[in-house]
Structure formats: C-alpha cells, structure tokens
Amino acid sequence: MIGFYAMVIAGVLPYIQIILSAALVICVLLQQTGASLGGAFGGDNFTAAYHTRRGSEKFLFWATMVLAVLFALSSFTAVLIQ
C-alpha cells in the first residue's frame, strides 16, 4: 500500500515542483529592491536598507519564504522517493 502512494506522489511531484518554481520566480520578481544603482557601487544608500515592510510588500516577502520552503521540501521528497 505504501508503494502505491509513493508511485502516485512520484507521478504528481514534478508538476507540483513546476507550479511552485513558477510561483516562486513570480514572487521574487514582484518584490521591490529599494536599492538604487548608487548603493551598489558604494554610494550613500543607508535610508533604503532600513524600512518596515507593509501591505503587499510584506505579503510577497512571506509568500516567497513559504514557497521557497515548500519547494525545498518537495525537492527533498523527490530525492527520498527515488
């Protein structure tokens, strides 16, 4: 009986990973960096680094973390099944 569940999970897991990876990429790309080009080259950019996330920015931050953990767990599960 356990072998049947492993086969079902092994068949569905690649599709779950594709969906999770696409959602993770979208969440990462939608986030605002807050850092300007001058900060990348050593300019004075201290005010952009310290701010509180609010609203949709906070939601995207947490969604990115949750999706990253889910993707890592699904990848670890795929390794264990094979």
Protein backbone atom coordinates (compact mmCIF):
# COMPACT_ATOMS: atom_id res chain seq x y z
CA MET A 1 0.00 0.00 0.00
CA ILE A 2 2.86 2.40 0.76
CA GLY A 3 4.36 1.64 -2.66
CA PHE A 4 1.12 2.77 -4.32
CA TYR A 5 1.22 6.14 -2.54
CA ALA A 6 4.88 6.56 -3.44
CA MET A 7 4.05 5.95 -7.11
CA VAL A 8 1.21 8.48 -7.02
CA ILE A 9 3.40 11.09 -5.33
CA ALA A 10 6.25 10.38 -7.76
CA GLY A 11 3.87 10.96 -10.67
CA VAL A 12 2.41 14.21 -9.35
CA LEU A 13 5.53 15.70 -7.74
CA PRO A 14 7.16 17.08 -10.93
CA TYR A 15 4.01 19.08 -11.70
CA ILE A 16 3.89 20.40 -8.14
CA GLN A 17 7.53 21.45 -8.42
CA ILE A 18 6.90 23.27 -11.71
CA ILE A 19 3.98 25.20 -10.20
CA LEU A 20 5.97 26.03 -7.05
CA SER A 21 9.00 27.16 -9.02
CA ALA A 22 6.94 29.41 -11.31
CA ALA A 23 5.15 30.95 -8.31
CA LEU A 24 8.49 31.45 -6.54
CA VAL A 25 10.00 33.21 -9.55
CA ILE A 26 6.95 35.47 -9.84
CA CYS A 27 7.09 36.39 -6.14
CA VAL A 28 10.80 37.19 -6.32
CA LEU A 29 10.40 39.33 -9.44
CA LEU A 30 7.48 41.29 -7.99
CA GLN A 31 9.42 42.38 -4.92
CA GLN A 32 10.91 45.85 -4.85
CA THR A 33 14.59 46.06 -4.06
CA GLY A 34 14.63 49.58 -2.64
CA ALA A 35 18.32 49.94 -3.51
CA SER A 36 19.41 52.34 -6.19
CA LEU A 37 22.35 51.96 -8.53
CA GLY A 38 24.49 54.25 -6.39
CA GLY A 39 24.16 51.88 -3.43
CA ALA A 40 25.60 49.04 -5.49
CA PHE A 41 28.80 51.00 -6.05
CA GLY A 42 29.33 52.25 -2.52
CA GLY A 43 27.20 55.37 -2.60
CA ASP A 44 25.22 56.67 0.37
CA ASN A 45 22.17 54.45 0.39
CA PHE A 46 21.56 53.84 4.08
CA THR A 47 17.95 55.00 4.11
CA ALA A 48 16.84 52.41 1.54
CA ALA A 49 18.18 49.46 3.51
CA TYR A 50 16.19 50.06 6.69
CA HIS A 51 12.45 50.10 6.24
CA THR A 52 9.43 48.22 7.55
CA ARG A 53 7.55 46.01 5.15
CA ARG A 54 3.86 46.80 4.99
CA GLY A 55 0.89 45.64 2.97
CA SER A 56 1.55 43.79 -0.24
CA GLU A 57 5.31 44.01 0.20
CA LYS A 58 5.05 42.07 3.47
CA PHE A 59 2.71 39.53 1.86
CA LEU A 60 5.11 38.96 -1.05
CA PHE A 61 8.01 38.59 1.37
CA TRP A 62 6.24 35.92 3.41
CA ALA A 63 4.83 34.22 0.31
CA THR A 64 8.34 33.99 -1.12
CA MET A 65 9.65 32.39 2.06
CA VAL A 66 6.75 29.90 2.25
CA LEU A 67 7.10 28.96 -1.42
CA ALA A 68 10.86 28.51 -1.03
CA VAL A 69 10.36 26.15 1.93
CA LEU A 70 7.65 24.20 0.07
CA PHE A 71 9.87 23.89 -3.00
CA ALA A 72 12.80 22.68 -0.87
CA LEU A 73 10.56 20.12 0.85
CA SER A 74 9.19 18.87 -2.46
CA SER A 75 12.72 18.52 -3.82
CA PHE A 76 13.82 16.63 -0.73
CA THR A 77 10.77 14.38 -1.07
CA ALA A 78 11.66 13.68 -4.71
CA VAL A 79 15.16 12.63 -3.62
CA LEU A 80 13.78 10.32 -0.94
CA ILE A 81 11.29 8.65 -3.29
CA GLN A 82 13.91 7.79 -5.91
